[in-house]
Amino acid sequence: MNPPELMDDLVDEILLRLPPDEPACLARASAVCKRWRRLLSDRAFLLRRRRRAPPPLLGFLHNLDNADHPDRFVPTTALPIPPPPPELHCGMALDCRHGCALLDAYPSRIDLVVWHPMTGHLLRRLPRPDVPYLLYYNAAVLCAAAAAGCDHLDCHEGPFRVVVVGTEEDNEAWATVYSSESDEWSPPTSARLARGPEFCVEGKPATLIGDSLYFALVFGIGVVKFDMKRHRLSLIDPPAELDDGFVLMPLDNDGVLGLAAVEDHSLLSVWSMDVSLDHGHGVANWEKCRVIELDSLLPNLDHSTPVLPIGFVEGANIIFLRTDAGVFTLELRSMRVTKVCKNGFFYAVVPYTSFYIPGVHLQQQHSGPQISNGRAWGSQAANMRRGSSEQPRERAPLHQQRRAGRPVNSQRPTGDMVRSSGRASRLASQVRPPWRP
């Protein structure tokens, strides 16, 4: 006599206890039988799992292309995630959020593409925004229903928004918002935010808190805030003690902006600021809320090579740290350290998080062209240029283009893009780290 089957509620309780940071366990469980697959893809189960833990970190995108890192995506779990398609091999990874990844297919031209790593879909190639010439820019992608309280369980191919924030040499900042529902950009918003000759937005992912996005400036000289609800730009001063770069992050409490920086080679300092008290005047009340001694956590630190924070995982409170021994993740709650990459001189990484949903993951892995917004993606569209039949050409690193005095945006030619000083060369490297050595 066969034993009776377990009730669905009991099976749910068993599946909920699978490791939340290893979605490959869910993938194996979904292959057991159709019943388990149905339970794992049920929305009620996904909601219960989300209440227990945030979306797990599946890996990160980077912009360093060499023999040590042939793939642009570095996995951190056993769940296979494909790298960006060949059409985007020379592109720049800018942001990942709510299941989507944002890449710049032709850096310096604001030729943006939204890609969904879990399914392999190229969701859309965006039209170029109608903005004045931007010497430096960054961008972020987010679910269009984020402000309305979307749980982001199954919005992986739903409406989305893209925000581009750029700066010019005369301390002018610009911002514009793209909506996938209208396939249009909003009228540009501009503001003159005095900060000096090195007023340049940094090439690290932005941080989302409420209705605002926060972008770091190079050398840690400040933070640009873009209020998406009011379409307003403002500048926030960093802590006075800092004199170099940092990573921005949302802290556990709602409405609290966090900042992490390494001081004295091995001290990771975490600062917090209540963004509800910021009224757009640049005055920030930063408080140092935590100091972490890295010598006791990271192996064999060589203090001649500085430890740098290069990324943060929203919702999971995980910081990426670059050391001479490799790239590590540090979980701020448990203080668990994990080595995720043997080596790699990354200036910044773009973490990718997502829930595993049976039937969605890699559902479109085929060799045919993919259609997005009425355009084919494949060998005939590999150059990513609308209306062009040219074959793609390898582009020189952006900092080399600026050094050569070439215009980096077809909308407005420029003269000498980068001053000849060594500090200016470092500036170009930080804003857009070279993706080719």
Foldseek 3Di string as FASTA:
>chain_A
DDDDDDDLVVVLVVVLPDDQQACVVLVVQLVPDVVSQVSQQDPVSVVVSCVVAPFHFQWWAFQADDPQDPARTFGPYPDDWHGQDLLQSNWGWFAAELQWTWIQSAPLASFIWIARRQARDGADTADHAPDPRFLFKGKYKYAPCVLVPDPSAPCNNPKIKMKMWGADQQQKIKIWMATPVVSHIDPIDIDRADQDRQFGFFRAYWEDANQKTWTAGFQRQWIWIARNVVRDIAIAGDPPVGGGDWDWADDPDHQKIKIWWDDPQFKIWIKIWRNVPDPRPRYTDIDTDDIDGRPVPDPPADSVWGKGFAHADYRQQWTWIAGPQAIWIARPPVRHIDGRGRHDPGNHIHIYGHRDRPPRGNVPPDQAWHDHPRDTHHQQCSCSDPPDRDHHDNDFFPLVCLCVQAASYPNDRDGRRFDPDPVRSVSSCRSGNGSYD
